[in-house]
Amino acid sequence: MSKAILGTKLGMSQVFAANGDLIPVTVVEVKPNVVVAVKSVESDGYNAVQLGYGEVKDKHLTKPVKGQFEKAGVAPVKYLREYRLAEKPEYTVGQTLAADIFAEGEVIDVIGTSKGKGYAGTIKRWNFRRGPESHGSKNHRQPASLGARMSGGGGKVFKGKKLPGHMGHARVTVQHLTVVKVDTARNLMLVKGGIPGAKGSLVMVQSTVKPVK
């Protein structure tokens, strides 16, 4: 059965494998997740489970959101994320999930929000090459030509052209990572390699979607 859980990225560390290999890992804190809603094909047209995570003050909640938690009979949480399921949900509203739903050696996907870099030019954002530095050239870090001239006068910048703009702060999924260790006593999960996001950011750990080749 596919599964998912929400957690907080704490940072990177390293552990030693049984054979002595050094493994870089990302430490994810997985505090208890609460099931806020369960959706099925019969009632909603699709199968999904809605997970809640994190503490929140009552003053930060709107009246409709408060009503949603009251209807479910669960305490308010800071984050709500929905995870779609291929099969009929086996969860119940109010059920608590912990890091132990995943085991050592499992292959997972991790979804997070990448670090925001602000407004960036084409060299930093798209790895463009610099222009000539001599012989009177004034095109050092500019994006240069934007497109061909159109017949009938005027020009057009085609959709998808790589230009300067906002860089980062986007949803990123890293696939086929491995769970190195699950520490249920400290609510920690060690994931091999790096995952998107800054320290303290929200991440979703889920069963891998694509089979490992």
N, C-alpha and C. Protein backbone atom coordinates (compact mmCIF):
# COMPACT_ATOMS: atom_id res chain seq x y z
N MET A 1 0.84 -1.20 0.00
CA MET A 1 0.00 0.00 0.00
C MET A 1 0.87 1.25 0.00
N SER A 2 0.52 2.23 -0.85
CA SER A 2 1.26 3.49 -0.88
C SER A 2 1.00 4.26 0.41
N LYS A 3 1.99 5.03 0.83
CA LYS A 3 1.88 5.74 2.11
C LYS A 3 2.71 7.01 2.04
N ALA A 4 2.42 7.94 2.95
CA ALA A 4 3.13 9.21 3.00
C ALA A 4 3.05 9.76 4.41
N ILE A 5 4.00 10.66 4.70
CA ILE A 5 4.02 11.30 6.01
C ILE A 5 4.72 12.64 5.89
N LEU A 6 4.34 13.59 6.74
CA LEU A 6 4.94 14.92 6.74
C LEU A 6 6.01 15.03 7.81
N GLY A 7 7.04 15.83 7.51
CA GLY A 7 8.11 16.00 8.47
C GLY A 7 8.82 17.33 8.28
N THR A 8 9.83 17.57 9.09
CA THR A 8 10.61 18.80 9.05
C THR A 8 12.06 18.47 8.76
N LYS A 9 12.63 19.15 7.76
CA LYS A 9 14.04 18.94 7.43
C LYS A 9 14.91 19.64 8.49
N LEU A 10 15.79 18.87 9.13
CA LEU A 10 16.66 19.43 10.16
C LEU A 10 18.05 19.78 9.63
N GLY A 11 18.49 19.10 8.59
CA GLY A 11 19.83 19.34 8.06
C GLY A 11 20.49 18.05 7.65
N MET A 12 21.77 18.13 7.29
CA MET A 12 22.50 16.95 6.81
C MET A 12 23.52 16.47 7.84
N SER A 13 23.81 15.18 7.77
CA SER A 13 24.81 14.56 8.63
C SER A 13 25.42 13.39 7.87
N GLN A 14 26.06 12.49 8.57
CA GLN A 14 26.64 11.32 7.94
C GLN A 14 26.68 10.16 8.93
N VAL A 15 26.52 8.96 8.40
CA VAL A 15 26.57 7.76 9.23
C VAL A 15 27.44 6.74 8.53
N PHE A 16 27.88 5.76 9.29
CA PHE A 16 28.71 4.69 8.74
C PHE A 16 27.86 3.44 8.55
N ALA A 17 28.01 2.81 7.40
CA ALA A 17 27.32 1.55 7.13
C ALA A 17 28.07 0.41 7.82
N ALA A 18 27.48 -0.77 7.81
CA ALA A 18 28.09 -1.93 8.47
C ALA A 18 29.44 -2.28 7.85
N ASN A 19 29.59 -2.02 6.54
CA ASN A 19 30.87 -2.35 5.87
C ASN A 19 31.89 -1.22 5.97
N GLY A 20 31.55 -0.15 6.69
CA GLY A 20 32.49 0.95 6.88
C GLY A 20 32.31 2.11 5.92
N ASP A 21 31.40 2.00 4.96
CA ASP A 21 31.17 3.09 4.01
C ASP A 21 30.53 4.29 4.71
N LEU A 22 30.97 5.48 4.31
CA LEU A 22 30.41 6.72 4.86
C LEU A 22 29.21 7.13 4.00
N ILE A 23 28.05 7.30 4.63
CA ILE A 23 26.82 7.61 3.90
C ILE A 23 26.34 9.00 4.29
N PRO A 24 26.25 9.94 3.33
CA PRO A 24 25.65 11.25 3.65
C PRO A 24 24.14 11.12 3.78
N VAL A 25 23.58 11.69 4.83
CA VAL A 25 22.13 11.55 5.07
C VAL A 25 21.53 12.91 5.42
N THR A 26 20.24 13.03 5.13
CA THR A 26 19.46 14.18 5.58
C THR A 26 18.58 13.73 6.74
N VAL A 27 18.60 14.50 7.82
CA VAL A 27 17.82 14.16 9.01
C VAL A 27 16.46 14.84 8.91
N VAL A 28 15.40 14.04 8.97
CA VAL A 28 14.04 14.55 8.91
C VAL A 28 13.34 14.23 10.22
N GLU A 29 12.84 15.26 10.88
CA GLU A 29 12.07 15.06 12.11
C GLU A 29 10.62 14.79 11.73
N VAL A 30 10.09 13.67 12.19
CA VAL A 30 8.72 13.28 11.85
C VAL A 30 7.91 13.19 13.14
N LYS A 31 7.31 14.31 13.52
CA LYS A 31 6.41 14.29 14.67
C LYS A 31 5.10 13.64 14.26
N PRO A 32 4.30 13.18 15.21
CA PRO A 32 3.06 12.48 14.85
C PRO A 32 2.18 13.26 13.88
N ASN A 33 1.74 12.57 12.83
CA ASN A 33 0.79 13.12 11.86
C ASN A 33 -0.61 12.65 12.22
N VAL A 34 -1.59 13.51 12.04
CA VAL A 34 -2.98 13.13 12.33
C VAL A 34 -3.76 13.09 11.02
N VAL A 35 -4.60 12.09 10.87
CA VAL A 35 -5.46 11.98 9.70
C VAL A 35 -6.68 12.88 9.91
N VAL A 36 -6.78 13.94 9.10
CA VAL A 36 -7.86 14.92 9.25
C VAL A 36 -9.07 14.55 8.40
N ALA A 37 -8.83 13.94 7.23
CA ALA A 37 -9.94 13.57 6.36
C ALA A 37 -9.55 12.37 5.52
N VAL A 38 -10.53 11.56 5.17
CA VAL A 38 -10.34 10.40 4.29
C VAL A 38 -11.33 10.52 3.14
N LYS A 39 -10.82 10.46 1.91
CA LYS A 39 -11.67 10.61 0.74
C LYS A 39 -11.66 9.32 -0.08
N SER A 40 -12.80 9.00 -0.66
CA SER A 40 -12.93 7.78 -1.46
C SER A 40 -13.64 8.08 -2.77
N VAL A 41 -13.57 7.13 -3.68
CA VAL A 41 -14.21 7.30 -4.99
C VAL A 41 -15.71 7.47 -4.84
N GLU A 42 -16.30 6.74 -3.91
CA GLU A 42 -17.75 6.79 -3.72
C GLU A 42 -18.24 8.18 -3.27
N SER A 43 -17.51 8.82 -2.38
CA SER A 43 -17.96 10.09 -1.81
C SER A 43 -17.35 11.32 -2.48
N ASP A 44 -16.10 11.20 -2.97
CA ASP A 44 -15.40 12.38 -3.49
C ASP A 44 -14.91 12.22 -4.94
N GLY A 45 -15.02 11.02 -5.48
CA GLY A 45 -14.58 10.81 -6.85
C GLY A 45 -13.15 10.35 -6.99
N TYR A 46 -12.41 10.32 -5.89
CA TYR A 46 -11.03 9.84 -5.90
C TYR A 46 -10.64 9.41 -4.49
N ASN A 47 -9.59 8.60 -4.41
CA ASN A 47 -9.10 8.12 -3.12
C ASN A 47 -7.95 9.00 -2.63
N ALA A 48 -8.03 9.43 -1.39
CA ALA A 48 -6.97 10.27 -0.82
C ALA A 48 -7.08 10.29 0.69
N VAL A 49 -5.99 10.69 1.32
CA VAL A 49 -5.98 10.90 2.76
C VAL A 49 -5.38 12.27 3.02
N GLN A 50 -5.96 13.02 3.94
CA GLN A 50 -5.49 14.36 4.27
C GLN A 50 -4.77 14.30 5.62
N LEU A 51 -3.49 14.69 5.60
CA LEU A 51 -2.65 14.62 6.79
C LEU A 51 -2.45 16.00 7.39
N GLY A 52 -2.45 16.08 8.72
CA GLY A 52 -2.19 17.32 9.43
C GLY A 52 -0.91 17.20 10.23
N TYR A 53 -0.15 18.33 10.30
CA TYR A 53 1.16 18.27 10.95
C TYR A 53 1.51 19.64 11.54
N GLY A 54 2.12 19.64 12.70
CA GLY A 54 2.64 20.87 13.29
C GLY A 54 1.66 21.56 14.22
N GLU A 55 2.21 22.28 15.17
CA GLU A 55 1.40 23.01 16.14
C GLU A 55 1.06 24.40 15.60
N VAL A 56 -0.12 24.90 15.96
CA VAL A 56 -0.55 26.22 15.52
C VAL A 56 -1.39 26.87 16.61
N LYS A 57 -1.27 28.20 16.71
CA LYS A 57 -2.07 28.93 17.68
C LYS A 57 -3.46 29.19 17.12
N ASP A 58 -4.43 29.21 18.00
CA ASP A 58 -5.82 29.36 17.58
C ASP A 58 -6.07 30.67 16.84
N LYS A 59 -5.32 31.72 17.20
CA LYS A 59 -5.54 33.03 16.57
C LYS A 59 -5.11 33.05 15.11
N HIS A 60 -4.33 32.06 14.69
CA HIS A 60 -3.86 32.03 13.31
C HIS A 60 -4.79 31.24 12.39
N LEU A 61 -5.90 30.76 12.92
CA LEU A 61 -6.83 29.96 12.13
C LEU A 61 -8.07 30.78 11.76
N THR A 62 -8.54 30.59 10.53
CA THR A 62 -9.78 31.23 10.11
C THR A 62 -10.97 30.41 10.59
N LYS A 63 -12.14 31.02 10.57
CA LYS A 63 -13.34 30.34 11.05
C LYS A 63 -13.67 29.08 10.23
N PRO A 64 -13.57 29.11 8.89
CA PRO A 64 -13.84 27.89 8.12
C PRO A 64 -12.87 26.76 8.43
N VAL A 65 -11.60 27.12 8.63
CA VAL A 65 -10.60 26.09 8.94
C VAL A 65 -10.87 25.49 10.32
N LYS A 66 -11.24 26.33 11.29
CA LYS A 66 -11.60 25.82 12.61
C LYS A 66 -12.76 24.83 12.52
N GLY A 67 -13.73 25.18 11.70
CA GLY A 67 -14.88 24.30 11.53
C GLY A 67 -14.51 22.96 10.93
N GLN A 68 -13.52 22.96 10.04
CA GLN A 68 -13.06 21.71 9.45
C GLN A 68 -12.48 20.79 10.51
N PHE A 69 -11.68 21.34 11.41
CA PHE A 69 -11.08 20.53 12.47
C PHE A 69 -12.14 20.07 13.47
N GLU A 70 -13.09 20.96 13.78
CA GLU A 70 -14.15 20.58 14.72
C GLU A 70 -15.01 19.45 14.16
N LYS A 71 -15.28 19.51 12.86
CA LYS A 71 -16.08 18.46 12.23
C LYS A 71 -15.35 17.12 12.26
N ALA A 72 -14.02 17.17 12.07
CA ALA A 72 -13.23 15.94 12.10
C ALA A 72 -12.99 15.45 13.52
N GLY A 73 -13.14 16.34 14.50
CA GLY A 73 -12.90 15.96 15.88
C GLY A 73 -11.44 15.83 16.24
N VAL A 74 -10.57 16.61 15.56
CA VAL A 74 -9.13 16.57 15.84
C VAL A 74 -8.66 17.96 16.22
N ALA A 75 -7.52 18.02 16.90
CA ALA A 75 -6.95 19.30 17.29
C ALA A 75 -6.40 20.02 16.06
N PRO A 76 -6.48 21.36 16.02
CA PRO A 76 -5.97 22.11 14.86
C PRO A 76 -4.48 21.91 14.66
N VAL A 77 -4.03 21.91 13.41
CA VAL A 77 -2.63 21.75 13.06
C VAL A 77 -2.23 22.86 12.10
N LYS A 78 -0.93 23.03 11.91
CA LYS A 78 -0.41 24.13 11.09
C LYS A 78 -0.49 23.81 9.60
N TYR A 79 -0.14 22.58 9.25
CA TYR A 79 -0.09 22.21 7.83
C TYR A 79 -1.12 21.13 7.51
N LEU A 80 -1.72 21.25 6.33
CA LEU A 80 -2.62 20.23 5.81
C LEU A 80 -2.15 19.85 4.41
N ARG A 81 -1.93 18.58 4.19
CA ARG A 81 -1.50 18.11 2.87
C ARG A 81 -2.31 16.87 2.51
N GLU A 82 -2.70 16.80 1.25
CA GLU A 82 -3.49 15.68 0.77
C GLU A 82 -2.62 14.74 -0.06
N TYR A 83 -2.76 13.45 0.18
CA TYR A 83 -1.99 12.45 -0.54
C TYR A 83 -2.95 11.50 -1.23
N ARG A 84 -2.86 11.45 -2.55
CA ARG A 84 -3.76 10.60 -3.32
C ARG A 84 -3.31 9.14 -3.27
N LEU A 85 -4.29 8.26 -3.26
CA LEU A 85 -4.03 6.83 -3.18
C LEU A 85 -4.64 6.13 -4.38
N ALA A 86 -3.96 5.09 -4.84
CA ALA A 86 -4.49 4.31 -5.96
C ALA A 86 -5.57 3.35 -5.48
N GLU A 87 -5.42 2.89 -4.25
CA GLU A 87 -6.38 1.93 -3.70
C GLU A 87 -7.31 2.61 -2.70
N LYS A 88 -8.30 1.89 -2.23
CA LYS A 88 -9.25 2.44 -1.25
C LYS A 88 -8.54 2.70 0.07
N PRO A 89 -8.73 3.87 0.68
CA PRO A 89 -8.02 4.20 1.92
C PRO A 89 -8.37 3.25 3.06
N GLU A 90 -7.34 2.91 3.84
CA GLU A 90 -7.53 2.09 5.02
C GLU A 90 -7.32 2.91 6.29
N TYR A 91 -7.33 4.23 6.15
CA TYR A 91 -7.11 5.11 7.29
C TYR A 91 -8.45 5.51 7.90
N THR A 92 -8.40 5.99 9.14
CA THR A 92 -9.58 6.51 9.82
C THR A 92 -9.28 7.91 10.34
N VAL A 93 -10.29 8.77 10.35
CA VAL A 93 -10.12 10.14 10.83
C VAL A 93 -9.71 10.12 12.30
N GLY A 94 -8.68 10.89 12.63
CA GLY A 94 -8.17 10.93 14.00
C GLY A 94 -7.01 9.98 14.23
N GLN A 95 -6.74 9.10 13.29
CA GLN A 95 -5.62 8.16 13.42
C GLN A 95 -4.30 8.91 13.40
N THR A 96 -3.34 8.46 14.18
CA THR A 96 -2.03 9.09 14.26
C THR A 96 -0.99 8.22 13.56
N LEU A 97 -0.18 8.87 12.71
CA LEU A 97 0.89 8.18 11.98
C LEU A 97 2.24 8.67 12.48
N ALA A 98 3.18 7.77 12.57
CA ALA A 98 4.53 8.11 13.02
C ALA A 98 5.55 7.67 11.97
N ALA A 99 6.83 7.92 12.26
CA ALA A 99 7.90 7.63 11.30
C ALA A 99 8.03 6.14 11.03
N ASP A 100 7.52 5.30 11.92
CA ASP A 100 7.70 3.86 11.75
C ASP A 100 6.84 3.25 10.65
N ILE A 101 6.06 4.08 9.92
CA ILE A 101 5.34 3.52 8.77
C ILE A 101 6.32 3.19 7.65
N PHE A 102 7.53 3.78 7.72
CA PHE A 102 8.60 3.45 6.78
C PHE A 102 9.66 2.65 7.51
N ALA A 103 10.35 1.78 6.77
CA ALA A 103 11.36 0.92 7.37
C ALA A 103 12.70 1.14 6.68
N GLU A 104 13.76 0.74 7.34
CA GLU A 104 15.10 0.86 6.79
C GLU A 104 15.21 0.10 5.47
N GLY A 105 15.79 0.76 4.46
CA GLY A 105 15.97 0.13 3.15
C GLY A 105 14.89 0.43 2.15
N GLU A 106 13.78 1.04 2.59
CA GLU A 106 12.69 1.37 1.66
C GLU A 106 13.11 2.49 0.71
N VAL A 107 12.61 2.43 -0.52
CA VAL A 107 12.86 3.46 -1.52
C VAL A 107 11.70 4.45 -1.49
N ILE A 108 12.02 5.74 -1.42
CA ILE A 108 10.99 6.77 -1.23
C ILE A 108 11.21 7.94 -2.19
N ASP A 109 10.20 8.79 -2.28
CA ASP A 109 10.30 10.10 -2.93
C ASP A 109 10.09 11.16 -1.86
N VAL A 110 10.81 12.28 -1.99
CA VAL A 110 10.67 13.37 -1.02
C VAL A 110 10.28 14.64 -1.78
N ILE A 111 9.21 15.29 -1.30
CA ILE A 111 8.72 16.52 -1.92
C ILE A 111 8.93 17.67 -0.95
N GLY A 112 9.49 18.77 -1.46
CA GLY A 112 9.72 19.94 -0.63
C GLY A 112 9.72 21.20 -1.47
N THR A 113 9.94 22.34 -0.82
CA THR A 113 10.02 23.63 -1.51
C THR A 113 11.47 24.07 -1.51
N SER A 114 12.02 24.28 -2.71
CA SER A 114 13.43 24.63 -2.84
C SER A 114 13.72 26.00 -2.24
N LYS A 115 14.96 26.27 -1.93
CA LYS A 115 15.37 27.56 -1.37
C LYS A 115 15.11 28.67 -2.38
N GLY A 116 14.57 29.79 -1.92
CA GLY A 116 14.34 30.93 -2.79
C GLY A 116 15.63 31.71 -3.01
N LYS A 117 15.91 32.07 -4.26
CA LYS A 117 17.12 32.82 -4.61
C LYS A 117 16.82 34.25 -5.02
N GLY A 118 15.53 34.63 -5.03
CA GLY A 118 15.17 35.98 -5.44
C GLY A 118 15.23 36.15 -6.95
N TYR A 119 15.37 37.41 -7.40
CA TYR A 119 15.44 37.70 -8.83
C TYR A 119 16.85 37.39 -9.32
N ALA A 120 16.96 36.57 -10.36
CA ALA A 120 18.27 36.16 -10.86
C ALA A 120 18.34 36.32 -12.37
N GLY A 121 19.54 36.60 -12.87
CA GLY A 121 19.76 36.72 -14.30
C GLY A 121 19.88 35.36 -14.97
N THR A 122 20.08 35.38 -16.28
CA THR A 122 20.11 34.12 -17.04
C THR A 122 21.35 33.28 -16.74
N ILE A 123 22.45 33.92 -16.37
CA ILE A 123 23.67 33.16 -16.08
C ILE A 123 23.49 32.31 -14.83
N LYS A 124 22.94 32.90 -13.79
CA LYS A 124 22.73 32.16 -12.55
C LYS A 124 21.53 31.23 -12.65
N ARG A 125 20.47 31.70 -13.31
CA ARG A 125 19.22 30.94 -13.33
C ARG A 125 19.24 29.79 -14.33
N TRP A 126 19.85 30.01 -15.49
CA TRP A 126 19.81 29.01 -16.56
C TRP A 126 21.19 28.57 -17.03
N ASN A 127 22.25 29.00 -16.35
CA ASN A 127 23.63 28.61 -16.71
C ASN A 127 24.03 29.10 -18.10
N PHE A 128 23.56 30.30 -18.48
CA PHE A 128 23.99 30.89 -19.75
C PHE A 128 25.47 31.23 -19.69
N ARG A 129 26.08 31.33 -20.86
CA ARG A 129 27.49 31.71 -20.96
C ARG A 129 27.60 33.23 -21.04
N ARG A 130 28.69 33.77 -20.52
CA ARG A 130 28.94 35.21 -20.60
C ARG A 130 29.22 35.63 -22.04
N GLY A 131 28.98 36.91 -22.35
CA GLY A 131 29.30 37.45 -23.66
C GLY A 131 30.77 37.85 -23.74
N PRO A 132 31.20 38.31 -24.90
CA PRO A 132 32.60 38.73 -25.07
C PRO A 132 32.98 39.84 -24.10
N GLU A 133 34.23 39.83 -23.66
CA GLU A 133 34.70 40.80 -22.68
C GLU A 133 35.52 41.93 -23.31
N SER A 134 35.73 41.86 -24.62
CA SER A 134 36.61 42.86 -25.25
C SER A 134 36.06 43.27 -26.61
N HIS A 135 36.85 44.07 -27.34
CA HIS A 135 36.54 44.51 -28.70
C HIS A 135 35.21 45.26 -28.77
N GLY A 136 34.94 46.06 -27.75
CA GLY A 136 33.78 46.93 -27.78
C GLY A 136 32.46 46.27 -27.46
N SER A 137 32.46 45.02 -27.08
CA SER A 137 31.20 44.35 -26.77
C SER A 137 30.60 44.90 -25.48
N LYS A 138 29.29 45.10 -25.52
CA LYS A 138 28.58 45.57 -24.33
C LYS A 138 27.61 44.50 -23.81
N ASN A 139 27.69 43.32 -24.37
CA ASN A 139 26.80 42.23 -23.97
C ASN A 139 27.58 41.24 -23.11
N HIS A 140 27.70 41.55 -21.82
CA HIS A 140 28.47 40.70 -20.91
C HIS A 140 27.57 39.68 -20.20
N ARG A 141 26.48 40.15 -19.61
CA ARG A 141 25.59 39.25 -18.87
C ARG A 141 24.14 39.37 -19.33
N GLN A 142 23.93 39.94 -20.48
CA GLN A 142 22.58 40.10 -21.01
C GLN A 142 22.11 38.81 -21.68
N PRO A 143 20.80 38.60 -21.76
CA PRO A 143 20.29 37.37 -22.40
C PRO A 143 20.44 37.35 -23.91
N ALA A 144 20.82 38.49 -24.53
CA ALA A 144 21.04 38.58 -25.99
C ALA A 144 19.73 38.42 -26.74
N SER A 145 19.77 37.83 -27.94
CA SER A 145 18.61 37.79 -28.82
C SER A 145 17.45 37.02 -28.17
N LEU A 146 16.24 37.55 -28.34
CA LEU A 146 15.06 36.94 -27.75
C LEU A 146 14.25 36.13 -28.75
N GLY A 147 14.56 36.21 -30.02
CA GLY A 147 13.79 35.43 -30.98
C GLY A 147 13.91 36.01 -32.37
N ALA A 148 13.43 35.25 -33.36
CA ALA A 148 13.52 35.67 -34.75
C ALA A 148 12.52 36.78 -35.05
N ARG A 149 12.84 37.57 -36.06
CA ARG A 149 11.93 38.62 -36.50
C ARG A 149 10.80 37.99 -37.29
N MET A 150 9.57 38.42 -37.01
CA MET A 150 8.40 37.84 -37.65
C MET A 150 8.09 38.58 -38.95
N SER A 151 7.57 37.86 -39.93
CA SER A 151 7.16 38.49 -41.19
C SER A 151 5.94 39.37 -40.93
N GLY A 152 5.88 40.48 -41.64
CA GLY A 152 4.77 41.39 -41.46
C GLY A 152 5.06 42.47 -40.44
N GLY A 153 6.31 42.51 -39.96
CA GLY A 153 6.68 43.54 -39.00
C GLY A 153 6.48 43.09 -37.56
N GLY A 154 7.32 43.60 -36.69
CA GLY A 154 7.22 43.23 -35.27
C GLY A 154 7.90 41.91 -34.98
N GLY A 155 8.08 41.61 -33.74
CA GLY A 155 8.72 40.36 -33.33
C GLY A 155 7.90 39.64 -32.29
N LYS A 156 8.37 38.50 -31.89
CA LYS A 156 7.63 37.70 -30.92
C LYS A 156 8.61 36.92 -30.05
N VAL A 157 8.38 36.95 -28.75
CA VAL A 157 9.15 36.12 -27.82
C VAL A 157 8.33 34.86 -27.57
N PHE A 158 8.85 33.74 -28.01
CA PHE A 158 8.11 32.49 -27.91
C PHE A 158 7.96 32.05 -26.45
N LYS A 159 6.83 31.44 -26.15
CA LYS A 159 6.55 30.95 -24.81
C LYS A 159 7.60 29.91 -24.40
N GLY A 160 8.10 30.03 -23.15
CA GLY A 160 9.11 29.10 -22.67
C GLY A 160 10.53 29.59 -22.81
N LYS A 161 10.71 30.78 -23.40
CA LYS A 161 12.05 31.35 -23.55
C LYS A 161 12.69 31.56 -22.18
N LYS A 162 13.93 31.15 -22.05
CA LYS A 162 14.63 31.29 -20.77
C LYS A 162 15.09 32.73 -20.59
N LEU A 163 14.55 33.37 -19.55
CA LEU A 163 14.82 34.78 -19.29
C LEU A 163 15.12 34.99 -17.80
N PRO A 164 15.60 36.19 -17.43
CA PRO A 164 15.76 36.49 -16.00
C PRO A 164 14.42 36.44 -15.29
N GLY A 165 14.45 36.16 -14.00
CA GLY A 165 13.21 36.12 -13.23
C GLY A 165 13.40 35.50 -11.86
N HIS A 166 12.29 35.20 -11.23
CA HIS A 166 12.32 34.63 -9.87
C HIS A 166 12.92 33.23 -9.92
N MET A 167 13.89 32.99 -9.07
CA MET A 167 14.61 31.71 -9.05
C MET A 167 14.37 31.00 -7.71
N GLY A 168 14.06 29.71 -7.79
CA GLY A 168 13.87 28.93 -6.58
C GLY A 168 12.48 29.08 -6.01
N HIS A 169 12.31 28.63 -4.76
CA HIS A 169 11.03 28.66 -4.05
C HIS A 169 9.95 27.98 -4.88
N ALA A 170 10.26 26.77 -5.35
CA ALA A 170 9.33 26.01 -6.17
C ALA A 170 9.22 24.59 -5.61
N ARG A 171 8.12 23.94 -5.93
CA ARG A 171 7.93 22.55 -5.50
C ARG A 171 8.89 21.65 -6.25
N VAL A 172 9.65 20.86 -5.49
CA VAL A 172 10.66 19.97 -6.07
C VAL A 172 10.47 18.57 -5.51
N THR A 173 10.55 17.57 -6.38
CA THR A 173 10.46 16.17 -5.96
C THR A 173 11.76 15.46 -6.29
N VAL A 174 12.36 14.83 -5.30
CA VAL A 174 13.56 14.02 -5.51
C VAL A 174 13.15 12.55 -5.37
N GLN A 175 13.39 11.78 -6.42
CA GLN A 175 12.91 10.41 -6.45
C GLN A 175 14.01 9.41 -6.09
N HIS A 176 13.55 8.23 -5.69
CA HIS A 176 14.40 7.05 -5.48
C HIS A 176 15.50 7.29 -4.44
N LEU A 177 15.11 7.85 -3.31
CA LEU A 177 16.02 7.96 -2.16
C LEU A 177 15.79 6.76 -1.25
N THR A 178 16.75 6.47 -0.41
CA THR A 178 16.68 5.29 0.44
C THR A 178 16.62 5.69 1.91
N VAL A 179 15.76 5.04 2.66
CA VAL A 179 15.70 5.25 4.11
C VAL A 179 16.85 4.49 4.75
N VAL A 180 17.75 5.22 5.38
CA VAL A 180 18.92 4.60 6.01
C VAL A 180 18.58 4.11 7.41
N LYS A 181 17.82 4.90 8.15
CA LYS A 181 17.49 4.53 9.54
C LYS A 181 16.23 5.25 9.98
N VAL A 182 15.44 4.61 10.83
CA VAL A 182 14.26 5.21 11.44
C VAL A 182 14.42 5.12 12.95
N ASP A 183 14.48 6.28 13.61
CA ASP A 183 14.63 6.34 15.06
C ASP A 183 13.28 6.75 15.66
N THR A 184 12.50 5.77 16.05
CA THR A 184 11.16 6.06 16.58
C THR A 184 11.21 6.75 17.94
N ALA A 185 12.26 6.49 18.71
CA ALA A 185 12.36 7.09 20.04
C ALA A 185 12.50 8.61 19.96
N ARG A 186 13.20 9.09 18.92
CA ARG A 186 13.42 10.53 18.76
C ARG A 186 12.64 11.12 17.58
N ASN A 187 11.77 10.32 17.00
CA ASN A 187 10.95 10.76 15.86
C ASN A 187 11.81 11.26 14.71
N LEU A 188 12.86 10.52 14.38
CA LEU A 188 13.77 10.93 13.32
C LEU A 188 13.82 9.89 12.21
N MET A 189 14.05 10.37 11.00
CA MET A 189 14.24 9.51 9.84
C MET A 189 15.49 9.99 9.11
N LEU A 190 16.41 9.07 8.81
CA LEU A 190 17.62 9.41 8.07
C LEU A 190 17.45 8.95 6.63
N VAL A 191 17.57 9.91 5.70
CA VAL A 191 17.38 9.64 4.27
C VAL A 191 18.70 9.83 3.55
N LYS A 192 19.08 8.87 2.74
CA LYS A 192 20.35 8.94 2.03
C LYS A 192 20.33 10.05 0.99
N GLY A 193 21.35 10.93 1.04
CA GLY A 193 21.44 12.01 0.07
C GLY A 193 20.76 13.28 0.52
N GLY A 194 20.67 14.24 -0.40
CA GLY A 194 20.06 15.53 -0.10
C GLY A 194 18.61 15.59 -0.53
N ILE A 195 17.85 16.43 0.14
CA ILE A 195 16.43 16.65 -0.20
C ILE A 195 16.20 18.15 -0.34
N PRO A 196 15.17 18.56 -1.07
CA PRO A 196 14.94 20.00 -1.30
C PRO A 196 14.51 20.72 -0.04
N GLY A 197 14.78 22.04 -0.03
CA GLY A 197 14.30 22.88 1.06
C GLY A 197 15.39 23.35 2.00
N ALA A 198 15.06 24.38 2.75
CA ALA A 198 15.97 24.91 3.76
C ALA A 198 15.75 24.17 5.08
N LYS A 199 16.65 24.39 6.02
CA LYS A 199 16.49 23.79 7.34
C LYS A 199 15.22 24.33 7.99
N GLY A 200 14.43 23.42 8.56
CA GLY A 200 13.19 23.81 9.20
C GLY A 200 12.00 23.84 8.27
N SER A 201 12.19 23.49 7.00
CA SER A 201 11.08 23.52 6.05
C SER A 201 10.29 22.22 6.07
N LEU A 202 9.06 22.30 5.59
CA LEU A 202 8.16 21.14 5.56
C LEU A 202 8.49 20.27 4.35
N VAL A 203 8.53 18.95 4.57
CA VAL A 203 8.73 18.00 3.48
C VAL A 203 7.72 16.87 3.60
N MET A 204 7.41 16.26 2.46
CA MET A 204 6.55 15.08 2.45
C MET A 204 7.36 13.89 1.97
N VAL A 205 7.39 12.85 2.79
CA VAL A 205 8.05 11.59 2.44
C VAL A 205 6.97 10.61 2.01
N GLN A 206 7.10 10.05 0.81
CA GLN A 206 6.08 9.16 0.30
C GLN A 206 6.69 7.96 -0.41
N SER A 207 5.88 6.94 -0.61
CA SER A 207 6.32 5.78 -1.36
C SER A 207 6.68 6.21 -2.78
N THR A 208 7.73 5.61 -3.32
CA THR A 208 8.17 6.03 -4.66
C THR A 208 7.10 5.72 -5.69
N VAL A 209 6.93 6.64 -6.64
CA VAL A 209 5.89 6.51 -7.65
C VAL A 209 6.36 5.64 -8.81
N LYS A 210 7.58 5.89 -9.27
CA LYS A 210 8.13 5.14 -10.40
C LYS A 210 8.96 3.97 -9.89
N PRO A 211 8.85 2.82 -10.51
CA PRO A 211 9.65 1.67 -10.07
C PRO A 211 11.13 1.91 -10.33
N VAL A 212 11.95 1.36 -9.45
CA VAL A 212 13.40 1.51 -9.57
C VAL A 212 13.90 0.55 -10.64
N LYS A 213 14.67 1.09 -11.60
CA LYS A 213 15.20 0.25 -12.67
C LYS A 213 16.44 -0.50 -12.19
